[in-house]
Amino acid sequence: MIHAADVREWRDCAVVDSEGHKIGVLEAVYVNTTTDEPAMATVRTGLPTRHRLVFVPIEDAIVGPGYLKVGYVRALVKRAPSIGTDGVLPAGQEEAIFKHYSLSYQSGAAGERQLARR
């Protein structure tokens, strides 16, 4: 079980896929706004002059010394919706992230966001 209190310690650790291949470096964690539990992470990928942040679910992630292992293969994560390193996730793009990973998405009754950056 991933605890929200541990999130601050993960920043800048390596993110590896289900097969142990490095995807990138953990930039931030987004929590589910309903439960306040960690739900997604942004991973910094790309060339040093062209970094971008891709989203990956972390519900089944395993935390190890210096790494966070996610339950998805690198190719799928690298094709995920992304934002610039100084960007903010637009509310309208949340659903696309969930669909990319074949996860169900439900905004709040009044259209509230499901993800919030921690």
PDB file of N, CA and C in Angstrom:
ATOM      1  N   MET A   1       0.837  -1.186   0.000  1.00  0.00           N
ATOM      2  CA  MET A   1       0.000   0.000   0.000  1.00  0.00           C
ATOM      3  C   MET A   1       0.877   1.243   0.000  1.00  0.00           C
ATOM      4  N   ILE A   2       0.586   2.156  -0.868  1.00  0.00           N
ATOM      5  CA  ILE A   2       1.329   3.403  -0.959  1.00  0.00           C
ATOM      6  C   ILE A   2       0.664   4.424  -0.048  1.00  0.00           C
ATOM      7  N   HIS A   3       1.449   5.070   0.792  1.00  0.00           N
ATOM      8  CA  HIS A   3       0.924   6.062   1.720  1.00  0.00           C
ATOM      9  C   HIS A   3       1.267   7.467   1.247  1.00  0.00           C
ATOM     10  N   ALA A   4       0.305   8.365   1.339  1.00  0.00           N
ATOM     11  CA  ALA A   4       0.506   9.734   0.880  1.00  0.00           C
ATOM     12  C   ALA A   4       1.666  10.409   1.605  1.00  0.00           C
ATOM     13  N   ALA A   5       1.912  10.043   2.843  1.00  0.00           N
ATOM     14  CA  ALA A   5       2.990  10.666   3.613  1.00  0.00           C
ATOM     15  C   ALA A   5       4.366  10.375   3.025  1.00  0.00           C
ATOM     16  N   ASP A   6       4.502   9.281   2.275  1.00  0.00           N
ATOM     17  CA  ASP A   6       5.791   8.899   1.699  1.00  0.00           C
ATOM     18  C   ASP A   6       6.111   9.619   0.393  1.00  0.00           C
ATOM     19  N   VAL A   7       5.146  10.280  -0.188  1.00  0.00           N
ATOM     20  CA  VAL A   7       5.276  10.874  -1.520  1.00  0.00           C
ATOM     21  C   VAL A   7       6.465  11.829  -1.618  1.00  0.00           C
ATOM     22  N   ARG A   8       6.679  12.659  -0.639  1.00  0.00           N
ATOM     23  CA  ARG A   8       7.763  13.651  -0.698  1.00  0.00           C
ATOM     24  C   ARG A   8       9.138  13.000  -0.852  1.00  0.00           C
ATOM     25  N   GLU A   9       9.297  11.796  -0.352  1.00  0.00           N
ATOM     26  CA  GLU A   9      10.579  11.100  -0.414  1.00  0.00           C
ATOM     27  C   GLU A   9      10.872  10.521  -1.790  1.00  0.00           C
ATOM     28  N   TRP A  10       9.874  10.414  -2.640  1.00  0.00           N
ATOM     29  CA  TRP A  10      10.040   9.769  -3.934  1.00  0.00           C
ATOM     30  C   TRP A  10      10.592  10.679  -5.020  1.00  0.00           C
ATOM     31  N   ARG A  11      10.449  11.978  -4.862  1.00  0.00           N
ATOM     32  CA  ARG A  11      10.845  12.901  -5.927  1.00  0.00           C
ATOM     33  C   ARG A  11      12.285  12.650  -6.360  1.00  0.00           C
ATOM     34  N   ASP A  12      12.497  12.646  -7.659  1.00  0.00           N
ATOM     35  CA  ASP A  12      13.796  12.438  -8.308  1.00  0.00           C
ATOM     36  C   ASP A  12      14.298  10.997  -8.253  1.00  0.00           C
ATOM     37  N   CYS A  13      13.488  10.046  -7.810  1.00  0.00           N
ATOM     38  CA  CYS A  13      13.935   8.658  -7.872  1.00  0.00           C
ATOM     39  C   CYS A  13      13.614   8.107  -9.268  1.00  0.00           C
ATOM     40  N   ALA A  14      14.298   7.051  -9.648  1.00  0.00           N
ATOM     41  CA  ALA A  14      14.077   6.435 -10.953  1.00  0.00           C
ATOM     42  C   ALA A  14      12.713   5.748 -10.973  1.00  0.00           C
ATOM     43  N   VAL A  15      12.047   5.811 -12.117  1.00  0.00           N
ATOM     44  CA  VAL A  15      10.799   5.085 -12.325  1.00  0.00           C
ATOM     45  C   VAL A  15      11.101   3.999 -13.346  1.00  0.00           C
ATOM     46  N   VAL A  16      10.802   2.758 -12.962  1.00  0.00           N
ATOM     47  CA  VAL A  16      11.064   1.632 -13.851  1.00  0.00           C
ATOM     48  C   VAL A  16       9.747   0.944 -14.184  1.00  0.00           C
ATOM     49  N   ASP A  17       9.731   0.262 -15.314  1.00  0.00           N
ATOM     50  CA  ASP A  17       8.505  -0.419 -15.743  1.00  0.00           C
ATOM     51  C   ASP A  17       8.393  -1.798 -15.105  1.00  0.00           C
ATOM     52  N   SER A  18       7.361  -2.516 -15.474  1.00  0.00           N
ATOM     53  CA  SER A  18       7.092  -3.826 -14.890  1.00  0.00           C
ATOM     54  C   SER A  18       8.188  -4.846 -15.195  1.00  0.00           C
ATOM     55  N   GLU A  19       9.009  -4.567 -16.201  1.00  0.00           N
ATOM     56  CA  GLU A  19      10.106  -5.462 -16.567  1.00  0.00           C
ATOM     57  C   GLU A  19      11.463  -4.967 -16.063  1.00  0.00           C
ATOM     58  N   GLY A  20      11.468  -3.863 -15.319  1.00  0.00           N
ATOM     59  CA  GLY A  20      12.701  -3.327 -14.754  1.00  0.00           C
ATOM     60  C   GLY A  20      13.436  -2.325 -15.622  1.00  0.00           C
ATOM     61  N   HIS A  21      12.870  -1.938 -16.777  1.00  0.00           N
ATOM     62  CA  HIS A  21      13.513  -0.957 -17.655  1.00  0.00           C
ATOM     63  C   HIS A  21      13.211   0.456 -17.160  1.00  0.00           C
ATOM     64  N   LYS A  22      14.223   1.297 -17.155  1.00  0.00           N
ATOM     65  CA  LYS A  22      14.034   2.670 -16.684  1.00  0.00           C
ATOM     66  C   LYS A  22      13.168   3.453 -17.664  1.00  0.00           C
ATOM     67  N   ILE A  23      12.175   4.151 -17.119  1.00  0.00           N
ATOM     68  CA  ILE A  23      11.292   5.003 -17.911  1.00  0.00           C
ATOM     69  C   ILE A  23      11.767   6.444 -17.828  1.00  0.00           C
ATOM     70  N   GLY A  24      12.130   6.873 -16.632  1.00  0.00           N
ATOM     71  CA  GLY A  24      12.550   8.247 -16.412  1.00  0.00           C
ATOM     72  C   GLY A  24      12.691   8.509 -14.924  1.00  0.00           C
ATOM     73  N   VAL A  25      12.485   9.779 -14.550  1.00  0.00           N
ATOM     74  CA  VAL A  25      12.650  10.214 -13.166  1.00  0.00           C
ATOM     75  C   VAL A  25      11.324  10.757 -12.654  1.00  0.00           C
ATOM     76  N   LEU A  26      10.965  10.380 -11.430  1.00  0.00           N
ATOM     77  CA  LEU A  26       9.704  10.832 -10.850  1.00  0.00           C
ATOM     78  C   LEU A  26       9.744  12.340 -10.598  1.00  0.00           C
ATOM     79  N   GLU A  27       8.761  13.038 -11.110  1.00  0.00           N
ATOM     80  CA  GLU A  27       8.669  14.488 -10.953  1.00  0.00           C
ATOM     81  C   GLU A  27       7.660  14.855  -9.866  1.00  0.00           C
ATOM     82  N   ALA A  28       6.444  14.292  -9.956  1.00  0.00           N
ATOM     83  CA  ALA A  28       5.395  14.641  -9.000  1.00  0.00           C
ATOM     84  C   ALA A  28       4.396  13.503  -8.878  1.00  0.00           C
ATOM     85  N   VAL A  29       3.615  13.555  -7.820  1.00  0.00           N
ATOM     86  CA  VAL A  29       2.563  12.571  -7.597  1.00  0.00           C
ATOM     87  C   VAL A  29       1.235  13.311  -7.525  1.00  0.00           C
ATOM     88  N   TYR A  30       0.241  12.736  -8.191  1.00  0.00           N
ATOM     89  CA  TYR A  30      -1.120  13.274  -8.171  1.00  0.00           C
ATOM     90  C   TYR A  30      -1.982  12.341  -7.330  1.00  0.00           C
ATOM     91  N   VAL A  31      -2.805  12.918  -6.477  1.00  0.00           N
ATOM     92  CA  VAL A  31      -3.689  12.124  -5.626  1.00  0.00           C
ATOM     93  C   VAL A  31      -5.107  12.154  -6.163  1.00  0.00           C
ATOM     94  N   ASN A  32      -5.877  11.138  -5.807  1.00  0.00           N
ATOM     95  CA  ASN A  32      -7.294  11.090  -6.121  1.00  0.00           C
ATOM     96  C   ASN A  32      -7.967  12.101  -5.193  1.00  0.00           C
ATOM     97  N   THR A  33      -8.702  13.042  -5.735  1.00  0.00           N
ATOM     98  CA  THR A  33      -9.296  14.107  -4.926  1.00  0.00           C
ATOM     99  C   THR A  33     -10.389  13.600  -3.989  1.00  0.00           C
ATOM    100  N   THR A  34     -10.939  12.436  -4.260  1.00  0.00           N
ATOM    101  CA  THR A  34     -11.968  11.874  -3.396  1.00  0.00           C
ATOM    102  C   THR A  34     -11.368  11.183  -2.180  1.00  0.00           C
ATOM    103  N   THR A  35     -10.298  10.422  -2.391  1.00  0.00           N
ATOM    104  CA  THR A  35      -9.711   9.626  -1.311  1.00  0.00           C
ATOM    105  C   THR A  35      -8.430  10.215  -0.738  1.00  0.00           C
ATOM    106  N   ASP A  36      -7.813  11.164  -1.421  1.00  0.00           N
ATOM    107  CA  ASP A  36      -6.527  11.759  -1.059  1.00  0.00           C
ATOM    108  C   ASP A  36      -5.398  10.715  -1.053  1.00  0.00           C
ATOM    109  N   GLU A  37      -5.576   9.646  -1.803  1.00  0.00           N
ATOM    110  CA  GLU A  37      -4.550   8.607  -1.938  1.00  0.00           C
ATOM    111  C   GLU A  37      -3.797   8.807  -3.246  1.00  0.00           C
ATOM    112  N   PRO A  38      -2.481   8.508  -3.276  1.00  0.00           N
ATOM    113  CA  PRO A  38      -1.718   8.630  -4.521  1.00  0.00           C
ATOM    114  C   PRO A  38      -2.342   7.804  -5.641  1.00  0.00           C
ATOM    115  N   ALA A  39      -2.491   8.420  -6.823  1.00  0.00           N
ATOM    116  CA  ALA A  39      -3.140   7.749  -7.946  1.00  0.00           C
ATOM    117  C   ALA A  39      -2.270   7.729  -9.205  1.00  0.00           C
ATOM    118  N   MET A  40      -1.612   8.825  -9.505  1.00  0.00           N
ATOM    119  CA  MET A  40      -0.801   8.945 -10.721  1.00  0.00           C
ATOM    120  C   MET A  40       0.524   9.634 -10.372  1.00  0.00           C
ATOM    121  N   ALA A  41       1.501   9.375 -11.204  1.00  0.00           N
ATOM    122  CA  ALA A  41       2.778  10.064 -11.082  1.00  0.00           C
ATOM    123  C   ALA A  41       3.119  10.669 -12.431  1.00  0.00           C
ATOM    124  N   THR A  42       3.873  11.750 -12.398  1.00  0.00           N
ATOM    125  CA  THR A  42       4.439  12.264 -13.641  1.00  0.00           C
ATOM    126  C   THR A  42       5.902  11.850 -13.657  1.00  0.00           C
ATOM    127  N   VAL A  43       6.328  11.390 -14.833  1.00  0.00           N
ATOM    128  CA  VAL A  43       7.679  10.901 -15.018  1.00  0.00           C
ATOM    129  C   VAL A  43       8.359  11.775 -16.058  1.00  0.00           C
ATOM    130  N   ARG A  44       9.519  12.329 -15.714  1.00  0.00           N
ATOM    131  CA  ARG A  44      10.279  13.177 -16.641  1.00  0.00           C
ATOM    132  C   ARG A  44      11.030  12.260 -17.599  1.00  0.00           C
ATOM    133  N   THR A  45      10.715  12.410 -18.892  1.00  0.00           N
ATOM    134  CA  THR A  45      11.344  11.589 -19.926  1.00  0.00           C
ATOM    135  C   THR A  45      11.870  12.487 -21.034  1.00  0.00           C
ATOM    136  N   GLY A  46      12.588  11.904 -21.956  1.00  0.00           N
ATOM    137  CA  GLY A  46      13.069  12.636 -23.123  1.00  0.00           C
ATOM    138  C   GLY A  46      14.503  13.097 -22.986  1.00  0.00           C
ATOM    139  N   LEU A  47      14.953  13.778 -24.020  1.00  0.00           N
ATOM    140  CA  LEU A  47      16.310  14.310 -24.045  1.00  0.00           C
ATOM    141  C   LEU A  47      16.423  15.496 -23.096  1.00  0.00           C
ATOM    142  N   PRO A  48      17.623  15.777 -22.587  1.00  0.00           N
ATOM    143  CA  PRO A  48      17.779  16.873 -21.623  1.00  0.00           C
ATOM    144  C   PRO A  48      17.219  18.220 -22.092  1.00  0.00           C
ATOM    145  N   THR A  49      17.283  18.493 -23.371  1.00  0.00           N
ATOM    146  CA  THR A  49      16.770  19.776 -23.857  1.00  0.00           C
ATOM    147  C   THR A  49      15.304  19.708 -24.253  1.00  0.00           C
ATOM    148  N   ARG A  50      14.715  18.497 -24.211  1.00  0.00           N
ATOM    149  CA  ARG A  50      13.314  18.326 -24.630  1.00  0.00           C
ATOM    150  C   ARG A  50      12.548  17.423 -23.666  1.00  0.00           C
ATOM    151  N   HIS A  51      12.680  17.669 -22.370  1.00  0.00           N
ATOM    152  CA  HIS A  51      11.964  16.866 -21.381  1.00  0.00           C
ATOM    153  C   HIS A  51      10.470  17.106 -21.470  1.00  0.00           C
ATOM    154  N   ARG A  52       9.726  16.095 -21.099  1.00  0.00           N
ATOM    155  CA  ARG A  52       8.285  16.204 -20.953  1.00  0.00           C
ATOM    156  C   ARG A  52       7.880  15.329 -19.782  1.00  0.00           C
ATOM    157  N   LEU A  53       6.683  15.534 -19.276  1.00  0.00           N
ATOM    158  CA  LEU A  53       6.179  14.754 -18.156  1.00  0.00           C
ATOM    159  C   LEU A  53       5.052  13.862 -18.650  1.00  0.00           C
ATOM    160  N   VAL A  54       5.212  12.547 -18.507  1.00  0.00           N
ATOM    161  CA  VAL A  54       4.169  11.603 -18.869  1.00  0.00           C
ATOM    162  C   VAL A  54       3.514  11.094 -17.590  1.00  0.00           C
ATOM    163  N   PHE A  55       2.250  10.730 -17.708  1.00  0.00           N
ATOM    164  CA  PHE A  55       1.488  10.258 -16.556  1.00  0.00           C
ATOM    165  C   PHE A  55       1.465   8.742 -16.528  1.00  0.00           C
ATOM    166  N   VAL A  56       1.545   8.169 -15.317  1.00  0.00           N
ATOM    167  CA  VAL A  56       1.450   6.720 -15.139  1.00  0.00           C
ATOM    168  C   VAL A  56       0.731   6.439 -13.818  1.00  0.00           C
ATOM    169  N   PRO A  57      -0.217   5.504 -13.829  1.00  0.00           N
ATOM    170  CA  PRO A  57      -0.895   5.120 -12.584  1.00  0.00           C
ATOM    171  C   PRO A  57       0.080   4.447 -11.621  1.00  0.00           C
ATOM    172  N   ILE A  58      -0.112   4.658 -10.337  1.00  0.00           N
ATOM    173  CA  ILE A  58       0.788   4.066  -9.340  1.00  0.00           C
ATOM    174  C   ILE A  58       0.040   3.233  -8.297  1.00  0.00           C
ATOM    175  N   GLU A  59      -1.175   2.790  -8.623  1.00  0.00           N
ATOM    176  CA  GLU A  59      -1.953   2.027  -7.647  1.00  0.00           C
ATOM    177  C   GLU A  59      -1.272   0.726  -7.232  1.00  0.00           C
ATOM    178  N   ASP A  60      -0.528   0.095  -8.109  1.00  0.00           N
ATOM    179  CA  ASP A  60       0.156  -1.161  -7.788  1.00  0.00           C
ATOM    180  C   ASP A  60       1.675  -0.996  -7.793  1.00  0.00           C
ATOM    181  N   ALA A  61       2.151   0.230  -7.630  1.00  0.00           N
ATOM    182  CA  ALA A  61       3.590   0.478  -7.687  1.00  0.00           C
ATOM    183  C   ALA A  61       4.300  -0.122  -6.480  1.00  0.00           C
ATOM    184  N   ILE A  62       5.556  -0.460  -6.698  1.00  0.00           N
ATOM    185  CA  ILE A  62       6.411  -0.997  -5.638  1.00  0.00           C
ATOM    186  C   ILE A  62       7.549  -0.005  -5.436  1.00  0.00           C
ATOM    187  N   VAL A  63       7.752   0.390  -4.203  1.00  0.00           N
ATOM    188  CA  VAL A  63       8.808   1.343  -3.883  1.00  0.00           C
ATOM    189  C   VAL A  63      10.015   0.563  -3.391  1.00  0.00           C
ATOM    190  N   GLY A  64      11.170   0.838  -3.989  1.00  0.00           N
ATOM    191  CA  GLY A  64      12.419   0.205  -3.583  1.00  0.00           C
ATOM    192  C   GLY A  64      13.452   1.272  -3.299  1.00  0.00           C
ATOM    193  N   PRO A  65      14.644   0.884  -2.952  1.00  0.00           N
ATOM    194  CA  PRO A  65      15.688   1.877  -2.669  1.00  0.00           C
ATOM    195  C   PRO A  65      16.091   2.636  -3.942  1.00  0.00           C
ATOM    196  N   GLY A  66      15.636   3.855  -4.048  1.00  0.00           N
ATOM    197  CA  GLY A  66      15.990   4.696  -5.188  1.00  0.00           C
ATOM    198  C   GLY A  66      15.140   4.509  -6.422  1.00  0.00           C
ATOM    199  N   TYR A  67      14.080   3.721  -6.350  1.00  0.00           N
ATOM    200  CA  TYR A  67      13.235   3.537  -7.535  1.00  0.00           C
ATOM    201  C   TYR A  67      11.777   3.321  -7.154  1.00  0.00           C
ATOM    202  N   LEU A  68      10.923   3.562  -8.138  1.00  0.00           N
ATOM    203  CA  LEU A  68       9.494   3.284  -8.044  1.00  0.00           C
ATOM    204  C   LEU A  68       9.160   2.410  -9.243  1.00  0.00           C
ATOM    205  N   LYS A  69       8.708   1.189  -8.998  1.00  0.00           N
ATOM    206  CA  LYS A  69       8.392   0.253 -10.078  1.00  0.00           C
ATOM    207  C   LYS A  69       6.891   0.281 -10.318  1.00  0.00           C
ATOM    208  N   VAL A  70       6.497   0.637 -11.550  1.00  0.00           N
ATOM    209  CA  VAL A  70       5.085   0.723 -11.910  1.00  0.00           C
ATOM    210  C   VAL A  70       4.659  -0.545 -12.647  1.00  0.00           C
ATOM    211  N   GLY A  71       3.371  -0.785 -12.703  1.00  0.00           N
ATOM    212  CA  GLY A  71       2.856  -2.012 -13.292  1.00  0.00           C
ATOM    213  C   GLY A  71       2.565  -1.937 -14.778  1.00  0.00           C
ATOM    214  N   TYR A  72       3.267  -1.101 -15.497  1.00  0.00           N
ATOM    215  CA  TYR A  72       3.042  -0.923 -16.938  1.00  0.00           C
ATOM    216  C   TYR A  72       4.378  -0.982 -17.667  1.00  0.00           C
ATOM    217  N   VAL A  73       4.355  -1.390 -18.945  1.00  0.00           N
ATOM    218  CA  VAL A  73       5.592  -1.454 -19.725  1.00  0.00           C
ATOM    219  C   VAL A  73       5.982  -0.060 -20.224  1.00  0.00           C
ATOM    220  N   ARG A  74       7.255   0.120 -20.421  1.00  0.00           N
ATOM    221  CA  ARG A  74       7.810   1.424 -20.798  1.00  0.00           C
ATOM    222  C   ARG A  74       7.173   1.998 -22.066  1.00  0.00           C
ATOM    223  N   ALA A  75       6.956   1.179 -23.070  1.00  0.00           N
ATOM    224  CA  ALA A  75       6.396   1.676 -24.332  1.00  0.00           C
ATOM    225  C   ALA A  75       5.015   2.296 -24.125  1.00  0.00           C
ATOM    226  N   LEU A  76       4.183   1.681 -23.304  1.00  0.00           N
ATOM    227  CA  LEU A  76       2.859   2.219 -23.024  1.00  0.00           C
ATOM    228  C   LEU A  76       2.958   3.543 -22.270  1.00  0.00           C
ATOM    229  N   VAL A  77       3.831   3.612 -21.295  1.00  0.00           N
ATOM    230  CA  VAL A  77       3.985   4.837 -20.502  1.00  0.00           C
ATOM    231  C   VAL A  77       4.495   5.975 -21.375  1.00  0.00           C
ATOM    232  N   LYS A  78       5.461   5.709 -22.227  1.00  0.00           N
ATOM    233  CA  LYS A  78       6.029   6.773 -23.067  1.00  0.00           C
ATOM    234  C   LYS A  78       5.028   7.320 -24.080  1.00  0.00           C
ATOM    235  N   ARG A  79       3.972   6.556 -24.399  1.00  0.00           N
ATOM    236  CA  ARG A  79       2.931   7.040 -25.312  1.00  0.00           C
ATOM    237  C   ARG A  79       1.775   7.717 -24.570  1.00  0.00           C
ATOM    238  N   ALA A  80       1.860   7.787 -23.267  1.00  0.00           N
ATOM    239  CA  ALA A  80       0.784   8.362 -22.455  1.00  0.00           C
ATOM    240  C   ALA A  80       0.677   9.870 -22.677  1.00  0.00           C
ATOM    241  N   PRO A  81      -0.493  10.444 -22.403  1.00  0.00           N
ATOM    242  CA  PRO A  81      -0.631  11.902 -22.482  1.00  0.00           C
ATOM    243  C   PRO A  81       0.431  12.572 -21.606  1.00  0.00           C
ATOM    244  N   SER A  82       0.921  13.707 -22.071  1.00  0.00           N
ATOM    245  CA  SER A  82       2.004  14.379 -21.357  1.00  0.00           C
ATOM    246  C   SER A  82       1.769  15.877 -21.297  1.00  0.00           C
ATOM    247  N   ILE A  83       2.576  16.513 -20.456  1.00  0.00           N
ATOM    248  CA  ILE A  83       2.585  17.974 -20.345  1.00  0.00           C
ATOM    249  C   ILE A  83       4.042  18.417 -20.364  1.00  0.00           C
ATOM    250  N   GLY A  84       4.276  19.694 -20.575  1.00  0.00           N
ATOM    251  CA  GLY A  84       5.625  20.240 -20.506  1.00  0.00           C
ATOM    252  C   GLY A  84       6.109  20.239 -19.070  1.00  0.00           C
ATOM    253  N   THR A  85       7.410  20.341 -18.887  1.00  0.00           N
ATOM    254  CA  THR A  85       7.963  20.286 -17.533  1.00  0.00           C
ATOM    255  C   THR A  85       7.511  21.451 -16.663  1.00  0.00           C
ATOM    256  N   ASP A  86       7.064  22.514 -17.268  1.00  0.00           N
ATOM    257  CA  ASP A  86       6.536  23.646 -16.490  1.00  0.00           C
ATOM    258  C   ASP A  86       5.023  23.772 -16.675  1.00  0.00           C
ATOM    259  N   GLY A  87       4.410  22.726 -17.226  1.00  0.00           N
ATOM    260  CA  GLY A  87       2.982  22.752 -17.525  1.00  0.00           C
ATOM    261  C   GLY A  87       2.116  22.295 -16.360  1.00  0.00           C
ATOM    262  N   VAL A  88       0.827  22.499 -16.544  1.00  0.00           N
ATOM    263  CA  VAL A  88      -0.190  22.082 -15.585  1.00  0.00           C
ATOM    264  C   VAL A  88      -1.165  21.187 -16.338  1.00  0.00           C
ATOM    265  N   LEU A  89      -1.634  20.145 -15.689  1.00  0.00           N
ATOM    266  CA  LEU A  89      -2.579  19.234 -16.319  1.00  0.00           C
ATOM    267  C   LEU A  89      -3.920  19.929 -16.516  1.00  0.00           C
ATOM    268  N   PRO A  90      -4.336  20.134 -17.782  1.00  0.00           N
ATOM    269  CA  PRO A  90      -5.648  20.731 -18.030  1.00  0.00           C
ATOM    270  C   PRO A  90      -6.751  19.766 -17.586  1.00  0.00           C
ATOM    271  N   ALA A  91      -7.799  20.293 -16.998  1.00  0.00           N
ATOM    272  CA  ALA A  91      -8.904  19.457 -16.513  1.00  0.00           C
ATOM    273  C   ALA A  91      -9.463  18.582 -17.624  1.00  0.00           C
ATOM    274  N   GLY A  92      -9.537  19.094 -18.826  1.00  0.00           N
ATOM    275  CA  GLY A  92     -10.086  18.339 -19.945  1.00  0.00           C
ATOM    276  C   GLY A  92      -9.220  17.177 -20.398  1.00  0.00           C
ATOM    277  N   GLN A  93      -7.969  17.131 -19.956  1.00  0.00           N
ATOM    278  CA  GLN A  93      -7.060  16.069 -20.376  1.00  0.00           C
ATOM    279  C   GLN A  93      -7.043  14.892 -19.396  1.00  0.00           C
ATOM    280  N   GLU A  94      -7.638  15.053 -18.227  1.00  0.00           N
ATOM    281  CA  GLU A  94      -7.633  13.972 -17.238  1.00  0.00           C
ATOM    282  C   GLU A  94      -8.221  12.674 -17.777  1.00  0.00           C
ATOM    283  N   GLU A  95      -9.365  12.767 -18.402  1.00  0.00           N
ATOM    284  CA  GLU A  95     -10.037  11.563 -18.886  1.00  0.00           C
ATOM    285  C   GLU A  95      -9.181  10.802 -19.891  1.00  0.00           C
ATOM    286  N   ALA A  96      -8.449  11.515 -20.739  1.00  0.00           N
ATOM    287  CA  ALA A  96      -7.595  10.868 -21.736  1.00  0.00           C
ATOM    288  C   ALA A  96      -6.503  10.028 -21.078  1.00  0.00           C
ATOM    289  N   ILE A  97      -5.992  10.475 -19.961  1.00  0.00           N
ATOM    290  CA  ILE A  97      -4.963   9.716 -19.239  1.00  0.00           C
ATOM    291  C   ILE A  97      -5.543   8.391 -18.761  1.00  0.00           C
ATOM    292  N   PHE A  98      -6.717   8.439 -18.165  1.00  0.00           N
ATOM    293  CA  PHE A  98      -7.354   7.220 -17.671  1.00  0.00           C
ATOM    294  C   PHE A  98      -7.673   6.266 -18.820  1.00  0.00           C
ATOM    295  N   LYS A  99      -8.168   6.788 -19.917  1.00  0.00           N
ATOM    296  CA  LYS A  99      -8.493   5.949 -21.079  1.00  0.00           C
ATOM    297  C   LYS A  99      -7.240   5.294 -21.649  1.00  0.00           C
ATOM    298  N   HIS A 100      -6.128   6.014 -21.662  1.00  0.00           N
ATOM    299  CA  HIS A 100      -4.877   5.470 -22.182  1.00  0.00           C
ATOM    300  C   HIS A 100      -4.495   4.179 -21.463  1.00  0.00           C
ATOM    301  N   TYR A 101      -4.763   4.121 -20.170  1.00  0.00           N
ATOM    302  CA  TYR A 101      -4.438   2.941 -19.368  1.00  0.00           C
ATOM    303  C   TYR A 101      -5.645   2.020 -19.150  1.00  0.00           C
ATOM    304  N   SER A 102      -6.723   2.242 -19.895  1.00  0.00           N
ATOM    305  CA  SER A 102      -7.954   1.448 -19.789  1.00  0.00           C
ATOM    306  C   SER A 102      -8.517   1.442 -18.370  1.00  0.00           C
ATOM    307  N   LEU A 103      -8.470   2.602 -17.723  1.00  0.00           N
ATOM    308  CA  LEU A 103      -9.016   2.764 -16.381  1.00  0.00           C
ATOM    309  C   LEU A 103     -10.303   3.574 -16.459  1.00  0.00           C
ATOM    310  N   SER A 104     -11.203   3.328 -15.552  1.00  0.00           N
ATOM    311  CA  SER A 104     -12.451   4.095 -15.549  1.00  0.00           C
ATOM    312  C   SER A 104     -12.193   5.495 -15.000  1.00  0.00           C
ATOM    313  N   TYR A 105     -12.933   6.450 -15.518  1.00  0.00           N
ATOM    314  CA  TYR A 105     -12.790   7.843 -15.101  1.00  0.00           C
ATOM    315  C   TYR A 105     -14.154   8.387 -14.732  1.00  0.00           C
ATOM    316  N   GLN A 106     -14.197   9.082 -13.604  1.00  0.00           N
ATOM    317  CA  GLN A 106     -15.442   9.713 -13.192  1.00  0.00           C
ATOM    318  C   GLN A 106     -15.108  11.012 -12.485  1.00  0.00           C
ATOM    319  N   SER A 107     -15.556  12.119 -13.081  1.00  0.00           N
ATOM    320  CA  SER A 107     -15.339  13.412 -12.426  1.00  0.00           C
ATOM    321  C   SER A 107     -16.394  13.572 -11.338  1.00  0.00           C
ATOM    322  N   GLY A 108     -16.235  14.579 -10.514  1.00  0.00           N
ATOM    323  CA  GLY A 108     -17.198  14.825  -9.447  1.00  0.00           C
ATOM    324  C   GLY A 108     -18.552  15.243 -10.002  1.00  0.00           C
ATOM    325  N   ALA A 109     -19.557  15.271  -9.133  1.00  0.00           N
ATOM    326  CA  ALA A 109     -20.925  15.605  -9.542  1.00  0.00           C
ATOM    327  C   ALA A 109     -21.008  16.976 -10.203  1.00  0.00           C
ATOM    328  N   ALA A 110     -20.192  17.899  -9.751  1.00  0.00           N
ATOM    329  CA  ALA A 110     -20.205  19.243 -10.319  1.00  0.00           C
ATOM    330  C   ALA A 110     -19.042  19.442 -11.296  1.00  0.00           C
ATOM    331  N   GLY A 111     -18.477  18.337 -11.787  1.00  0.00           N
ATOM    332  CA  GLY A 111     -17.392  18.419 -12.752  1.00  0.00           C
ATOM    333  C   GLY A 111     -16.025  18.603 -12.118  1.00  0.00           C
ATOM    334  N   GLU A 112     -15.898  18.320 -10.813  1.00  0.00           N
ATOM    335  CA  GLU A 112     -14.600  18.473 -10.137  1.00  0.00           C
ATOM    336  C   GLU A 112     -13.577  17.545 -10.738  1.00  0.00           C
ATOM    337  N   ARG A 113     -12.343  17.935 -10.619  1.00  0.00           N
ATOM    338  CA  ARG A 113     -11.231  17.118 -11.104  1.00  0.00           C
ATOM    339  C   ARG A 113     -11.079  15.870 -10.253  1.00  0.00           C
ATOM    340  N   GLN A 114     -10.548  14.821 -10.852  1.00  0.00           N
ATOM    341  CA  GLN A 114     -10.281  13.597 -10.105  1.00  0.00           C
ATOM    342  C   GLN A 114      -8.857  13.574  -9.588  1.00  0.00           C
ATOM    343  N   LEU A 115      -7.944  14.342 -10.206  1.00  0.00           N
ATOM    344  CA  LEU A 115      -6.549  14.348  -9.801  1.00  0.00           C
ATOM    345  C   LEU A 115      -6.112  15.717  -9.306  1.00  0.00           C
ATOM    346  N   ALA A 116      -5.260  15.702  -8.285  1.00  0.00           N
ATOM    347  CA  ALA A 116      -4.661  16.938  -7.775  1.00  0.00           C
ATOM    348  C   ALA A 116      -3.181  16.671  -7.506  1.00  0.00           C
ATOM    349  N   ARG A 117      -2.340  17.621  -7.873  1.00  0.00           N
ATOM    350  CA  ARG A 117      -0.904  17.450  -7.663  1.00  0.00           C
ATOM    351  C   ARG A 117      -0.581  17.574  -6.180  1.00  0.00           C
ATOM    352  N   ARG A 118       0.267  16.691  -5.703  1.00  0.00           N
ATOM    353  CA  ARG A 118       0.662  16.703  -4.291  1.00  0.00           C
ATOM    354  C   ARG A 118       2.024  17.312  -4.167  1.00  0.00           C
TER     355      ARG A 118
END
